[in-house]
Amino acid sequence: MRTIIALAMILTATVANAQQQDDPFQTIGPGTNTCGEFAQDVRQDTDSQLIYFPWAQGYMSALNDVAAAAQQGDTVTYRNLHGWSTSDQLAYLRSYCNQHPSGNYADGVRSLFASLPTHSRPKGKA
């Protein structure tokens, strides 16, 4: 029950945050919360990561898709989302947010994304 209440609080804060952005139609979800809100949510209930991290994975996947679509040539280079363990990625996001409490969680996700190793493959092959 505690987890359900914590998740409801996160979703409420997320909607309120999205409404306060300059363009609330650009991004939605936990990434619109500040790092301070993320850190507080995780301190109150570690299961909060079950809301934030899947959002981060989807966001990084989308960043990879957009980057791949924009590339010319026979090779696609992208960030290897499996390049670090899940626990290392979570630790990176917690550390980033502790150092940047007024930044958005999405800023931390973009920083994580930029830190992951790159991988290349021929275009048209998954």
Protein backbone atom coordinates (compact mmCIF):
# COMPACT_ATOMS: atom_id res chain seq x y z
CA MET A 1 0.00 0.00 0.00
CA ARG A 2 2.90 2.35 0.82
CA THR A 3 4.25 1.80 -2.69
CA ILE A 4 0.90 2.63 -4.28
CA ILE A 5 0.66 5.87 -2.32
CA ALA A 6 4.24 6.81 -3.26
CA LEU A 7 3.59 6.06 -6.93
CA ALA A 8 0.41 8.16 -6.85
CA MET A 9 2.39 11.06 -5.35
CA ILE A 10 5.01 10.77 -8.11
CA LEU A 11 2.41 10.76 -10.86
CA THR A 12 0.62 13.77 -9.33
CA ALA A 13 3.90 15.71 -9.12
CA THR A 14 4.73 14.71 -12.69
CA VAL A 15 1.46 16.05 -14.08
CA ALA A 16 1.80 19.28 -12.10
CA ASN A 17 5.39 19.69 -13.29
CA ALA A 18 4.46 19.09 -16.92
CA GLN A 19 1.83 21.81 -16.65
CA GLN A 20 4.45 24.28 -15.37
CA GLN A 21 6.91 23.78 -18.23
CA ASP A 22 7.19 26.34 -21.01
CA ASP A 23 5.87 23.74 -23.44
CA PRO A 24 3.94 21.09 -21.49
CA PHE A 25 3.26 19.14 -24.69
CA GLN A 26 6.91 18.33 -25.42
CA THR A 27 7.68 15.94 -22.55
CA ILE A 28 5.55 14.09 -20.05
CA GLY A 29 6.28 11.62 -17.30
CA PRO A 30 8.76 11.37 -14.44
CA GLY A 31 11.49 13.05 -16.50
CA THR A 32 9.74 16.36 -15.94
CA ASN A 33 10.33 16.09 -12.19
CA THR A 34 13.35 17.78 -10.69
CA CYS A 35 16.29 15.75 -9.50
CA GLY A 36 15.43 16.91 -5.99
CA GLU A 37 11.96 15.40 -6.34
CA PHE A 38 13.48 12.18 -7.67
CA ALA A 39 15.93 11.99 -4.75
CA GLN A 40 13.15 12.65 -2.24
CA ASP A 41 10.87 10.04 -3.84
CA VAL A 42 13.62 7.40 -3.77
CA ARG A 43 14.51 8.24 -0.15
CA GLN A 44 10.86 7.83 0.84
CA ASP A 45 10.37 4.63 -1.13
CA THR A 46 13.09 2.89 -3.15
CA ASP A 47 10.37 1.32 -5.31
CA SER A 48 9.95 4.80 -6.84
CA GLN A 49 12.79 3.82 -9.15
CA LEU A 50 10.30 1.42 -10.75
CA ILE A 51 8.54 4.49 -12.16
CA TYR A 52 11.55 6.64 -13.00
CA PHE A 53 13.97 4.15 -14.53
CA PRO A 54 11.65 2.63 -17.15
CA TRP A 55 10.92 6.21 -18.26
CA ALA A 56 14.69 6.77 -18.54
CA GLN A 57 15.14 3.59 -20.60
CA GLY A 58 12.36 4.59 -22.98
CA TYR A 59 13.76 8.10 -23.30
CA MET A 60 17.27 6.81 -24.07
CA SER A 61 15.83 4.34 -26.58
CA ALA A 62 14.06 7.22 -28.32
CA LEU A 63 17.28 9.27 -28.33
CA ASN A 64 19.03 6.34 -30.02
CA ASP A 65 16.23 5.98 -32.60
CA VAL A 66 16.31 9.69 -33.48
CA ALA A 67 20.10 9.71 -33.76
CA ALA A 68 20.12 6.58 -35.93
CA ALA A 69 17.46 7.98 -38.27
CA ALA A 70 19.49 11.16 -38.78
CA GLN A 71 22.72 9.37 -39.73
CA GLN A 72 23.93 9.13 -43.32
CA GLY A 73 26.03 6.33 -44.75
CA ASP A 74 26.13 2.57 -44.40
CA THR A 75 26.79 2.42 -40.66
CA VAL A 76 24.67 3.40 -37.67
CA THR A 77 26.37 4.42 -34.43
CA TYR A 78 24.33 4.58 -31.26
CA ARG A 79 24.73 4.42 -27.48
CA ASN A 80 24.88 0.90 -26.08
CA LEU A 81 22.08 0.89 -23.51
CA HIS A 82 23.43 -2.43 -22.21
CA GLY A 83 26.94 -0.98 -21.89
CA TRP A 84 26.50 -0.52 -18.15
CA SER A 85 24.61 -2.69 -15.71
CA THR A 86 21.20 -1.51 -14.54
CA SER A 87 22.58 -1.00 -11.04
CA ASP A 88 25.41 1.19 -12.39
CA GLN A 89 22.93 3.25 -14.41
CA LEU A 90 20.69 3.72 -11.37
CA ALA A 91 23.70 4.72 -9.26
CA TYR A 92 24.72 7.26 -11.93
CA LEU A 93 21.25 8.82 -11.93
CA ARG A 94 21.13 8.98 -8.12
CA SER A 95 24.58 10.59 -8.02
CA TYR A 96 23.74 13.06 -10.80
CA CYS A 97 20.51 14.09 -9.10
CA ASN A 98 22.19 14.48 -5.72
CA GLN A 99 24.67 16.88 -7.37
CA HIS A 100 22.01 18.74 -9.43
CA PRO A 101 18.84 18.87 -7.27
CA SER A 102 17.29 21.76 -9.23
CA GLY A 103 17.87 20.12 -12.62
CA ASN A 104 15.30 17.89 -14.29
CA TYR A 105 15.54 14.12 -14.04
CA ALA A 106 15.64 14.16 -17.86
CA ASP A 107 18.89 16.15 -17.67
CA GLY A 108 20.39 13.32 -15.64
CA VAL A 109 19.14 10.78 -18.14
CA ARG A 110 20.72 12.72 -21.03
CA SER A 111 23.99 12.86 -19.08
CA LEU A 112 23.84 9.11 -18.47
CA PHE A 113 23.08 8.53 -22.14
CA ALA A 114 26.12 10.58 -23.20
CA SER A 115 28.30 8.54 -20.83
CA LEU A 116 27.34 5.14 -22.24
CA PRO A 117 29.70 3.48 -24.73
CA THR A 118 28.91 3.69 -28.43
CA HIS A 119 28.22 0.76 -30.73
CA SER A 120 28.13 0.63 -34.53
CA ARG A 121 26.40 -1.71 -36.92
CA PRO A 122 25.60 -1.78 -40.63
CA LYS A 123 22.39 0.05 -41.52
CA GLY A 124 19.37 -2.20 -41.93
CA LYS A 125 20.60 -4.83 -39.45
CA ALA A 126 19.22 -4.97 -35.92
